[in-house]
Amino acid sequence: AGHTQRPRNTRGACSRPYLSQGLRGSARMRRSGCLGGAVGRLALAALVPVVAFGMAPPPAVVVDESLSPSVAWSAAVNAVLEAHAWDDGFGPVFAAHNRSLFDRVPDAKLRDLLAAARKHQPRAAAALSAIASAISAHPRGNYVSAEYLAGWLWFHELAHTELASPEEAHQRSCCGVLVAPSSNASGARVSPGLGGGGWVSHARNMDQTPHAVRNLTLQLTVKPNGTGPVIQAVDWYWVTSGFMTAVVPGVASVQENWRYGQVSSESVFAAAARGVTPQVLLFREAFEAAGAQAGGAKAGYESFIEAVAYTELAAPMYAIAAGPGADDGAIVTRDPAGPALPVATHGIARLADAAIGAGAGWRALVQTNYDRWEPDPPSDPRRTAAERLLRSMAPEVGSSSVGAFAAVSAYPVFNEDTAYTAIMCPNDACAEAGLPNLAAFTRQVLLPPDALPLA
């Protein structure tokens, strides 16, 4: 692709992405497009028999990588574009992040990122080309280049650099909750009977703007080409062929949360050139490493945590993970080189050590976007609010998937930027008990501006 200029973006207009040429039509957004407006019913395998306003499961898509990338990934593109016009989905999402980040990434650097992916992450590079071609060819799509999507492959890292606007770098983003039931006198797990059978429950909010990301969100089943784990994921970052929320039954469930900290753009480009793993591909690589680990579920989970904690990255992050065992849960606080130091107190917090309160006997961990050894900032008390709500619950509720879901559904943990919520259970027994390993819901309610935190 030759040098081209991206159109200048203005708020309220969805300009086209991206090493662009031959763009079709104008780029107006319709006022009503981004939110849909359906009233969804939440039925968490009959555990939560309530009507929840503004919730709906995202479209389910199977990505079968035994097929060619163009066939495997076209199902995801079609699921979005057949449900939502360009100006209700891809258009406003790309325009918002062009404005806040990608308009300041030179075309030459995007080409370098794609070349690096072709060298070091060939599976992802082939998927990027297939996804870009499918979006460009769809009657409701628009031209998108593989080079532009290679920028998205490094979106998380570039958003930590001087190229990102304050709008990109300082928005509230995501919450994870892990809960586990108590033990009786003999050490056996006590089943609370509310979505917990002695296993860890994992609830996750993805907070992101613009609101149109809800219309890109899909629930994916990724089937490998040959050996490897079948991964269940929910995300809108599937446009990179990666994901930030996923579960492999018998191994782990996991999510990424933003961690503040600045790195230079040149360090990110250099990391890409030498083959450092992009954050959106980390979890998949860790699942594949865990799947090759001998020694059963516990060994697979610990191998997964090891890979998430110690694989070199280009920017900081948090990973929140649960495993199949009764105490398997961890929050990994990442620096680019590895876990924050000291590891035992800062880098890897274990659910087994996290009693929710004196005498409660059950455990919970909550992570938002601030280091756990520091207090929440007064302007963003989501972790404090979730922990306070969990402490107020009876153990049989708080230690269950119902309690975890409640904690991520109360303001300000659930907020106007919450795009989707996922409830995950990596224990194989969940399915036997009639519980999904992954239940996901897009959240389409805008809260009133005077909504108050929990007292």
Protein backbone atom coordinates (compact mmCIF):
# COMPACT_ATOMS: atom_id res chain seq x y z
CA ALA A 1 0.00 0.00 0.00
CA GLY A 2 1.27 3.44 -0.86
CA HIS A 3 1.27 6.38 1.49
CA THR A 4 -2.25 7.65 2.12
CA GLN A 5 -3.72 10.07 4.58
CA ARG A 6 -6.45 9.07 6.96
CA PRO A 7 -9.40 11.48 6.97
CA ARG A 8 -9.44 13.81 9.94
CA ASN A 9 -11.97 12.45 12.42
CA THR A 10 -14.47 14.66 14.17
CA ARG A 11 -16.74 13.58 16.99
CA GLY A 12 -20.02 12.37 15.61
CA ALA A 13 -18.61 11.33 12.23
CA CYS A 14 -17.42 7.82 11.38
CA SER A 15 -14.59 8.32 8.93
CA ARG A 16 -13.11 5.28 7.26
CA PRO A 17 -9.98 3.55 8.51
CA TYR A 18 -6.67 2.98 7.55
CA LEU A 19 -4.32 2.81 4.75
CA SER A 20 -7.53 3.53 2.95
CA GLN A 21 -8.34 3.80 -0.69
CA GLY A 22 -11.49 3.61 -2.80
CA LEU A 23 -13.77 4.38 0.14
CA ARG A 24 -17.46 3.95 -0.46
CA GLY A 25 -20.06 6.52 0.49
CA SER A 26 -20.30 8.99 3.32
CA ALA A 27 -19.61 8.32 6.96
CA ARG A 28 -22.57 9.61 8.90
CA MET A 29 -23.71 7.85 12.05
CA ARG A 30 -27.39 7.39 12.64
CA ARG A 31 -28.44 8.66 16.05
CA SER A 32 -30.21 5.48 17.08
CA GLY A 33 -27.76 2.93 15.76
CA CYS A 34 -25.28 2.02 18.45
CA LEU A 35 -27.42 0.77 21.30
CA GLY A 36 -30.03 -1.46 19.74
CA GLY A 37 -32.65 -1.23 22.49
CA ALA A 38 -33.69 -4.82 23.10
CA VAL A 39 -34.74 -6.01 26.53
CA GLY A 40 -32.80 -9.20 27.22
CA ARG A 41 -33.69 -12.00 29.59
CA LEU A 42 -30.93 -13.40 31.75
CA ALA A 43 -31.31 -17.10 32.49
CA LEU A 44 -28.02 -18.32 33.93
CA ALA A 45 -28.92 -21.99 33.51
CA ALA A 46 -32.03 -21.37 35.64
CA LEU A 47 -29.90 -20.13 38.54
CA VAL A 48 -30.91 -16.53 38.13
CA PRO A 49 -34.63 -16.54 37.30
CA VAL A 50 -34.92 -12.78 36.88
CA VAL A 51 -35.61 -10.38 34.06
CA ALA A 52 -32.63 -8.09 33.44
CA PHE A 53 -33.17 -4.92 31.48
CA GLY A 54 -30.86 -4.24 28.56
CA MET A 55 -29.06 -7.61 28.51
CA ALA A 56 -28.79 -10.01 25.62
CA PRO A 57 -26.39 -12.82 24.74
CA PRO A 58 -24.07 -11.89 21.88
CA PRO A 59 -24.22 -13.87 18.64
CA ALA A 60 -22.50 -17.24 18.88
CA VAL A 61 -19.92 -18.06 16.22
CA VAL A 62 -17.71 -21.09 15.62
CA VAL A 63 -14.25 -20.34 14.23
CA ASP A 64 -12.97 -23.62 12.80
CA GLU A 65 -9.28 -23.22 12.09
CA SER A 66 -9.10 -26.53 10.25
CA LEU A 67 -10.63 -24.48 7.43
CA SER A 68 -8.85 -21.73 5.53
CA PRO A 69 -8.60 -18.42 7.44
CA SER A 70 -10.95 -16.74 4.96
CA VAL A 71 -13.64 -19.33 5.67
CA ALA A 72 -12.94 -19.65 9.39
CA TRP A 73 -13.16 -15.91 10.15
CA SER A 74 -15.83 -14.89 7.65
CA ALA A 75 -18.46 -16.30 10.03
CA ALA A 76 -17.48 -13.71 12.65
CA VAL A 77 -17.50 -10.82 10.16
CA ASN A 78 -20.85 -11.91 8.75
CA ALA A 79 -22.40 -12.24 12.22
CA VAL A 80 -21.65 -8.57 12.89
CA LEU A 81 -22.41 -7.04 9.50
CA GLU A 82 -25.62 -8.97 8.94
CA ALA A 83 -26.92 -7.66 12.28
CA HIS A 84 -25.48 -4.13 12.26
CA ALA A 85 -24.76 -1.62 9.54
CA TRP A 86 -21.26 -0.17 9.26
CA ASP A 87 -22.34 3.04 10.97
CA ASP A 88 -23.72 1.07 13.93
CA GLY A 89 -20.66 -1.10 14.56
CA PHE A 90 -17.27 -1.11 12.88
CA GLY A 91 -17.54 2.52 11.71
CA PRO A 92 -17.91 4.31 15.05
CA VAL A 93 -15.52 1.93 16.83
CA PHE A 94 -12.74 2.42 14.30
CA ALA A 95 -13.40 6.18 14.09
CA ALA A 96 -13.25 6.67 17.88
CA HIS A 97 -9.93 4.87 18.21
CA ASN A 98 -8.50 6.45 15.09
CA ARG A 99 -9.21 9.77 16.73
CA SER A 100 -7.69 8.79 20.06
CA LEU A 101 -4.76 6.68 18.79
CA PHE A 102 -4.37 5.36 15.26
CA ASP A 103 -4.39 8.71 13.45
CA ARG A 104 -0.99 9.26 15.12
CA VAL A 105 0.49 5.90 14.09
CA PRO A 106 2.40 6.35 10.79
CA ASP A 107 1.40 4.14 7.86
CA ALA A 108 4.95 2.83 7.68
CA LYS A 109 4.71 1.58 11.27
CA LEU A 110 1.47 -0.24 10.50
CA ARG A 111 3.19 -1.96 7.59
CA ASP A 112 6.07 -2.90 9.91
CA LEU A 113 3.64 -4.38 12.44
CA LEU A 114 2.03 -6.57 9.77
CA ALA A 115 5.44 -7.70 8.54
CA ALA A 116 6.42 -8.59 12.12
CA ALA A 117 3.21 -10.57 12.59
CA ARG A 118 3.83 -12.49 9.36
CA LYS A 119 7.27 -13.42 10.67
CA HIS A 120 6.50 -14.14 14.32
CA GLN A 121 2.73 -14.79 14.54
CA PRO A 122 1.86 -16.24 11.11
CA ARG A 123 -1.46 -17.70 12.22
CA ALA A 124 -2.61 -14.31 13.48
CA ALA A 125 -1.27 -12.55 10.38
CA ALA A 126 -3.25 -14.86 8.10
CA ALA A 127 -6.36 -14.20 10.19
CA LEU A 128 -5.84 -10.42 10.01
CA SER A 129 -5.70 -10.59 6.22
CA ALA A 130 -8.79 -12.79 6.11
CA ILE A 131 -10.78 -10.55 8.47
CA ALA A 132 -9.77 -7.40 6.58
CA SER A 133 -10.76 -8.96 3.26
CA ALA A 134 -14.09 -10.17 4.63
CA ILE A 135 -14.99 -6.74 6.05
CA SER A 136 -13.95 -5.04 2.81
CA ALA A 137 -15.90 -7.44 0.59
CA HIS A 138 -19.14 -7.55 2.57
CA PRO A 139 -21.99 -5.48 1.06
CA ARG A 140 -22.41 -3.67 4.39
CA GLY A 141 -18.68 -3.38 5.02
CA ASN A 142 -16.02 -0.92 3.95
CA TYR A 143 -12.39 -1.05 2.97
CA VAL A 144 -10.11 -2.11 5.84
CA SER A 145 -6.50 -3.11 5.35
CA ALA A 146 -4.61 -5.92 7.05
CA GLU A 147 -2.02 -3.28 8.00
CA TYR A 148 -4.65 -1.37 9.94
CA LEU A 149 -5.75 -4.50 11.81
CA ALA A 150 -2.09 -5.18 12.60
CA GLY A 151 -2.23 -1.89 14.49
CA TRP A 152 -5.16 -3.30 16.44
CA LEU A 153 -3.06 -6.37 17.23
CA TRP A 154 -0.92 -3.95 19.27
CA PHE A 155 -3.76 -1.65 20.37
CA HIS A 156 -3.33 -2.37 24.08
CA GLU A 157 0.39 -1.63 24.02
CA LEU A 158 0.15 1.46 21.80
CA ALA A 159 -2.56 2.86 24.08
CA HIS A 160 0.12 2.99 26.81
CA THR A 161 2.36 5.24 24.72
CA GLU A 162 2.71 8.93 23.94
CA LEU A 163 0.68 8.32 20.75
CA ALA A 164 -2.53 7.84 22.75
CA SER A 165 -4.70 10.79 23.67
CA PRO A 166 -5.82 11.25 27.30
CA GLU A 167 -9.24 10.03 26.15
CA GLU A 168 -7.67 6.65 25.31
CA ALA A 169 -5.27 6.40 28.23
CA HIS A 170 -7.46 7.37 31.18
CA GLN A 171 -10.84 5.78 30.75
CA ARG A 172 -12.23 3.45 33.38
CA SER A 173 -11.86 -0.09 32.13
CA CYS A 174 -13.00 -3.49 33.43
CA CYS A 175 -13.54 -5.48 36.61
CA GLY A 176 -12.95 -9.09 37.59
CA VAL A 177 -14.41 -10.98 40.57
CA LEU A 178 -13.36 -14.44 41.79
CA VAL A 179 -15.30 -16.19 44.56
CA ALA A 180 -14.91 -19.61 46.18
CA PRO A 181 -17.03 -21.38 48.79
CA SER A 182 -15.99 -22.21 52.32
CA SER A 183 -14.67 -25.44 53.79
CA ASN A 184 -16.32 -27.53 56.49
CA ALA A 185 -14.49 -28.94 59.49
CA SER A 186 -13.07 -31.84 57.48
CA GLY A 187 -11.76 -29.54 54.75
CA ALA A 188 -14.40 -30.46 52.16
CA ARG A 189 -15.99 -27.72 50.11
CA VAL A 190 -19.50 -26.69 51.15
CA SER A 191 -21.79 -26.33 48.17
CA PRO A 192 -23.86 -23.16 48.58
CA GLY A 193 -26.50 -24.42 46.16
CA LEU A 194 -26.59 -21.17 44.19
CA GLY A 195 -24.38 -21.73 41.21
CA GLY A 196 -21.48 -23.06 43.21
CA GLY A 197 -20.68 -26.71 43.71
CA GLY A 198 -17.30 -26.36 45.38
CA TRP A 199 -15.71 -24.58 42.43
CA VAL A 200 -14.48 -21.07 41.74
CA SER A 201 -16.86 -18.69 39.99
CA HIS A 202 -15.45 -15.90 37.82
CA ALA A 203 -17.40 -12.76 36.83
CA ARG A 204 -16.05 -10.21 34.39
CA ASN A 205 -17.12 -6.77 33.14
CA MET A 206 -15.56 -5.37 29.99
CA ASP A 207 -15.79 -1.57 30.08
CA GLN A 208 -14.95 0.12 26.80
CA THR A 209 -16.02 2.95 24.53
CA PRO A 210 -17.63 3.80 22.22
CA HIS A 211 -20.95 2.13 22.94
CA ALA A 212 -20.93 0.54 19.48
CA VAL A 213 -18.42 -2.07 20.72
CA ARG A 214 -21.49 -3.93 21.98
CA ASN A 215 -22.45 -4.50 18.37
CA LEU A 216 -19.07 -6.08 17.59
CA THR A 217 -19.16 -8.42 20.60
CA LEU A 218 -19.38 -12.12 19.77
CA GLN A 219 -19.28 -15.35 21.74
CA LEU A 220 -16.71 -17.50 19.99
CA THR A 221 -15.84 -21.17 20.00
CA VAL A 222 -12.35 -21.43 18.49
CA LYS A 223 -11.54 -24.92 17.24
CA PRO A 224 -7.84 -25.48 16.55
CA ASN A 225 -6.30 -26.85 13.41
CA GLY A 226 -5.07 -30.17 14.71
CA THR A 227 -4.20 -30.63 18.36
CA GLY A 228 -4.81 -27.91 20.88
CA PRO A 229 -7.56 -26.75 23.21
CA VAL A 230 -11.01 -25.65 22.12
CA ILE A 231 -11.31 -22.12 23.46
CA GLN A 232 -14.56 -20.43 24.44
CA ALA A 233 -14.26 -16.66 24.29
CA VAL A 234 -16.37 -13.52 24.34
CA ASP A 235 -14.96 -10.32 22.90
CA TRP A 236 -15.00 -7.60 20.33
CA TYR A 237 -11.20 -7.83 20.00
CA TRP A 238 -11.73 -10.89 17.81
CA VAL A 239 -10.89 -8.51 14.91
CA THR A 240 -7.26 -9.22 15.92
CA SER A 241 -7.89 -13.01 16.04
CA GLY A 242 -7.14 -12.72 19.77
CA PHE A 243 -9.27 -12.21 22.84
CA MET A 244 -9.30 -10.77 26.36
CA THR A 245 -11.97 -13.00 27.95
CA ALA A 246 -11.87 -16.78 27.57
CA VAL A 247 -12.19 -20.18 29.20
CA VAL A 248 -10.89 -23.66 28.49
CA PRO A 249 -12.80 -26.12 30.70
CA GLY A 250 -10.45 -28.10 32.90
CA VAL A 251 -7.67 -25.51 32.56
CA ALA A 252 -8.64 -21.91 33.35
CA SER A 253 -10.87 -18.93 32.78
CA VAL A 254 -9.14 -15.60 32.25
CA GLN A 255 -9.59 -11.92 31.53
CA GLU A 256 -7.36 -8.90 30.95
CA ASN A 257 -7.70 -5.57 32.77
CA TRP A 258 -5.94 -2.33 31.90
CA ARG A 259 -3.04 -1.36 34.17
CA TYR A 260 -1.80 2.21 34.09
CA GLY A 261 1.79 2.88 33.12
CA GLN A 262 3.55 4.44 30.14
CA VAL A 263 5.94 2.91 27.66
CA SER A 264 7.37 4.48 24.52
CA SER A 265 5.96 3.75 21.09
CA GLU A 266 9.44 2.92 19.85
CA SER A 267 9.74 0.23 22.52
CA VAL A 268 6.45 -1.28 21.31
CA PHE A 269 7.54 -1.27 17.67
CA ALA A 270 10.88 -2.80 18.67
CA ALA A 271 9.13 -5.48 20.73
CA ALA A 272 6.94 -6.39 17.76
CA ALA A 273 9.97 -6.61 15.48
CA ARG A 274 11.76 -9.08 17.77
CA GLY A 275 8.72 -11.31 18.26
CA VAL A 276 7.32 -10.32 21.66
CA THR A 277 3.78 -11.64 22.14
CA PRO A 278 0.99 -9.08 21.68
CA GLN A 279 -1.25 -8.94 24.72
CA VAL A 280 -4.35 -10.07 22.76
CA LEU A 281 -2.53 -13.30 21.83
CA LEU A 282 -1.09 -14.01 25.30
CA PHE A 283 -3.99 -16.02 26.66
CA ARG A 284 -4.23 -18.25 23.60
CA GLU A 285 -0.52 -19.03 23.77
CA ALA A 286 -0.84 -19.73 27.49
CA PHE A 287 -3.78 -22.09 26.92
CA GLU A 288 -1.80 -23.96 24.30
CA ALA A 289 1.18 -24.27 26.64
CA ALA A 290 -1.09 -25.52 29.44
CA GLY A 291 -2.74 -28.04 27.14
CA ALA A 292 0.65 -29.58 26.42
CA GLN A 293 1.43 -29.89 30.13
CA ALA A 294 1.36 -33.40 31.59
CA GLY A 295 0.09 -33.98 35.11
CA GLY A 296 -3.63 -33.26 35.08
CA ALA A 297 -5.82 -30.22 35.62
CA LYS A 298 -3.81 -28.71 38.50
CA ALA A 299 -0.59 -28.86 36.49
CA GLY A 300 -2.36 -27.38 33.48
CA TYR A 301 -3.73 -24.48 35.53
CA GLU A 302 -0.38 -23.73 37.14
CA SER A 303 1.32 -23.91 33.74
CA PHE A 304 -1.24 -21.42 32.44
CA ILE A 305 -0.58 -19.00 35.33
CA GLU A 306 3.17 -19.37 34.78
CA ALA A 307 2.84 -18.46 31.09
CA VAL A 308 0.56 -15.50 31.80
CA ALA A 309 2.91 -14.22 34.52
CA TYR A 310 6.28 -14.63 32.82
CA THR A 311 5.81 -14.33 29.04
CA GLU A 312 7.54 -11.14 27.93
CA LEU A 313 5.13 -8.34 27.02
CA ALA A 314 5.50 -4.75 25.81
CA ALA A 315 3.19 -3.00 28.32
CA PRO A 316 1.71 -3.52 31.80
CA MET A 317 -1.59 -5.32 32.41
CA TYR A 318 -3.57 -7.34 34.93
CA ALA A 319 -4.74 -10.91 34.34
CA ILE A 320 -7.52 -12.40 36.46
CA ALA A 321 -7.80 -16.18 36.24
CA ALA A 322 -9.67 -19.07 37.84
CA GLY A 323 -8.90 -22.76 37.59
CA PRO A 324 -10.74 -26.05 38.01
CA GLY A 325 -9.64 -26.62 41.62
CA ALA A 326 -11.53 -25.41 44.68
CA ASP A 327 -8.89 -22.75 45.46
CA ASP A 328 -7.61 -22.08 41.94
CA GLY A 329 -7.75 -18.35 41.39
CA ALA A 330 -5.18 -15.61 40.93
CA ILE A 331 -4.67 -11.99 40.01
CA VAL A 332 -1.45 -11.46 38.10
CA THR A 333 -0.10 -7.90 38.13
CA ARG A 334 2.15 -7.61 35.10
CA ASP A 335 5.09 -5.44 34.25
CA PRO A 336 6.43 -5.95 30.73
CA ALA A 337 9.25 -8.25 31.91
CA GLY A 338 7.17 -10.33 34.33
CA PRO A 339 5.04 -10.11 37.48
CA ALA A 340 5.35 -7.06 39.71
CA LEU A 341 7.84 -7.48 42.53
CA PRO A 342 7.80 -8.88 45.11
CA VAL A 343 5.88 -11.68 43.43
CA ALA A 344 4.38 -13.20 46.59
CA THR A 345 2.73 -9.99 47.79
CA HIS A 346 2.35 -7.94 44.62
CA GLY A 347 2.87 -9.95 41.46
CA ILE A 348 0.53 -12.92 41.99
CA ALA A 349 -2.33 -12.70 44.51
CA ARG A 350 -3.86 -16.11 45.23
CA LEU A 351 -7.54 -16.71 45.94
CA ALA A 352 -6.63 -19.33 48.56
CA ASP A 353 -5.19 -16.51 50.68
CA ALA A 354 -8.08 -14.08 50.20
CA ALA A 355 -10.70 -14.46 52.93
CA ILE A 356 -13.45 -11.95 52.26
CA GLY A 357 -13.79 -11.00 55.92
CA ALA A 358 -13.05 -12.08 59.46
CA GLY A 359 -14.87 -15.30 60.19
CA ALA A 360 -16.55 -15.41 56.78
CA GLY A 361 -14.78 -18.60 55.77
CA TRP A 362 -15.12 -18.01 52.04
CA ARG A 363 -12.82 -16.22 49.67
CA ALA A 364 -13.04 -13.49 47.07
CA LEU A 365 -10.70 -11.39 44.98
CA VAL A 366 -11.67 -8.24 43.07
CA GLN A 367 -9.52 -6.43 40.52
CA THR A 368 -10.24 -3.26 38.59
CA ASN A 369 -7.47 -1.01 37.21
CA TYR A 370 -5.33 -0.17 40.23
CA ASP A 371 -2.70 -2.12 42.12
CA ARG A 372 -4.30 -4.09 44.91
CA TRP A 373 -1.81 -2.90 47.52
CA GLU A 374 -2.95 0.68 46.90
CA PRO A 375 -6.36 2.14 47.84
CA ASP A 376 -8.90 2.90 45.15
CA PRO A 377 -8.79 6.51 43.99
CA PRO A 378 -11.86 8.37 45.30
CA SER A 379 -12.90 9.12 41.71
CA ASP A 380 -13.14 5.41 40.80
CA PRO A 381 -14.07 3.22 43.81
CA ARG A 382 -15.23 0.15 41.86
CA ARG A 383 -13.07 -2.38 43.69
CA THR A 384 -14.10 -0.99 47.07
CA ALA A 385 -17.78 -1.06 46.09
CA ALA A 386 -17.61 -4.68 44.87
CA GLU A 387 -15.77 -5.87 47.99
CA ARG A 388 -18.25 -4.05 50.24
CA LEU A 389 -21.19 -5.67 48.45
CA LEU A 390 -19.64 -9.14 48.67
CA ARG A 391 -19.02 -8.72 52.41
CA SER A 392 -22.68 -7.88 52.88
CA MET A 393 -23.83 -11.18 51.35
CA ALA A 394 -24.55 -14.42 53.12
CA PRO A 395 -21.73 -16.91 52.38
CA GLU A 396 -24.00 -19.22 50.39
CA VAL A 397 -24.79 -16.31 48.04
CA GLY A 398 -21.53 -14.39 47.93
CA SER A 399 -19.42 -17.46 47.22
CA SER A 400 -21.56 -18.48 44.24
CA SER A 401 -21.87 -17.37 40.62
CA VAL A 402 -24.99 -15.46 41.69
CA GLY A 403 -22.96 -13.40 44.16
CA ALA A 404 -20.18 -12.81 41.63
CA PHE A 405 -22.73 -11.68 39.05
CA ALA A 406 -24.40 -9.39 41.56
CA ALA A 407 -21.06 -7.78 42.43
CA VAL A 408 -20.33 -6.83 38.81
CA SER A 409 -23.91 -5.69 38.20
CA ALA A 410 -24.13 -2.97 40.87
CA TYR A 411 -23.12 0.63 40.22
CA PRO A 412 -20.36 1.78 39.92
CA VAL A 413 -18.86 -1.63 39.05
CA PHE A 414 -21.46 -1.83 36.32
CA ASN A 415 -21.39 1.57 34.69
CA GLU A 416 -22.26 3.38 31.51
CA ASP A 417 -19.17 2.01 29.75
CA THR A 418 -19.83 -1.67 30.57
CA ALA A 419 -20.07 -3.34 27.17
CA TYR A 420 -20.50 -6.95 28.30
CA THR A 421 -20.51 -9.18 31.35
CA ALA A 422 -19.28 -12.78 31.39
CA ILE A 423 -19.78 -15.46 34.04
CA MET A 424 -17.19 -18.24 33.75
CA CYS A 425 -16.59 -21.59 35.39
CA PRO A 426 -13.53 -23.59 34.28
CA ASN A 427 -14.48 -26.69 36.29
CA ASP A 428 -15.68 -29.58 34.12
CA ALA A 429 -18.36 -30.33 36.72
CA CYS A 430 -20.14 -27.08 35.86
CA ALA A 431 -21.48 -28.51 32.62
CA GLU A 432 -22.53 -31.68 34.43
CA ALA A 433 -24.49 -29.50 36.87
CA GLY A 434 -26.21 -27.69 34.00
CA LEU A 435 -24.07 -24.56 34.19
CA PRO A 436 -22.32 -23.14 31.13
CA ASN A 437 -18.57 -22.74 31.29
CA LEU A 438 -19.11 -19.31 29.75
CA ALA A 439 -22.30 -17.23 29.82
CA ALA A 440 -22.00 -13.74 28.31
CA PHE A 441 -24.36 -10.78 27.99
CA THR A 442 -24.00 -7.43 26.28
CA ARG A 443 -25.04 -4.61 28.61
CA GLN A 444 -27.02 -1.90 26.86
CA VAL A 445 -28.38 0.24 29.67
CA LEU A 446 -27.08 3.78 30.11
CA LEU A 447 -27.23 4.69 33.78
CA PRO A 448 -28.65 8.03 34.89
CA PRO A 449 -25.97 10.68 35.49
CA ASP A 450 -26.94 10.96 39.16
CA ALA A 451 -26.40 7.27 39.92
CA LEU A 452 -24.52 6.94 43.19
CA PRO A 453 -21.97 4.38 44.42
CA LEU A 454 -23.02 1.86 47.04
CA ALA A 455 -23.21 3.39 50.51
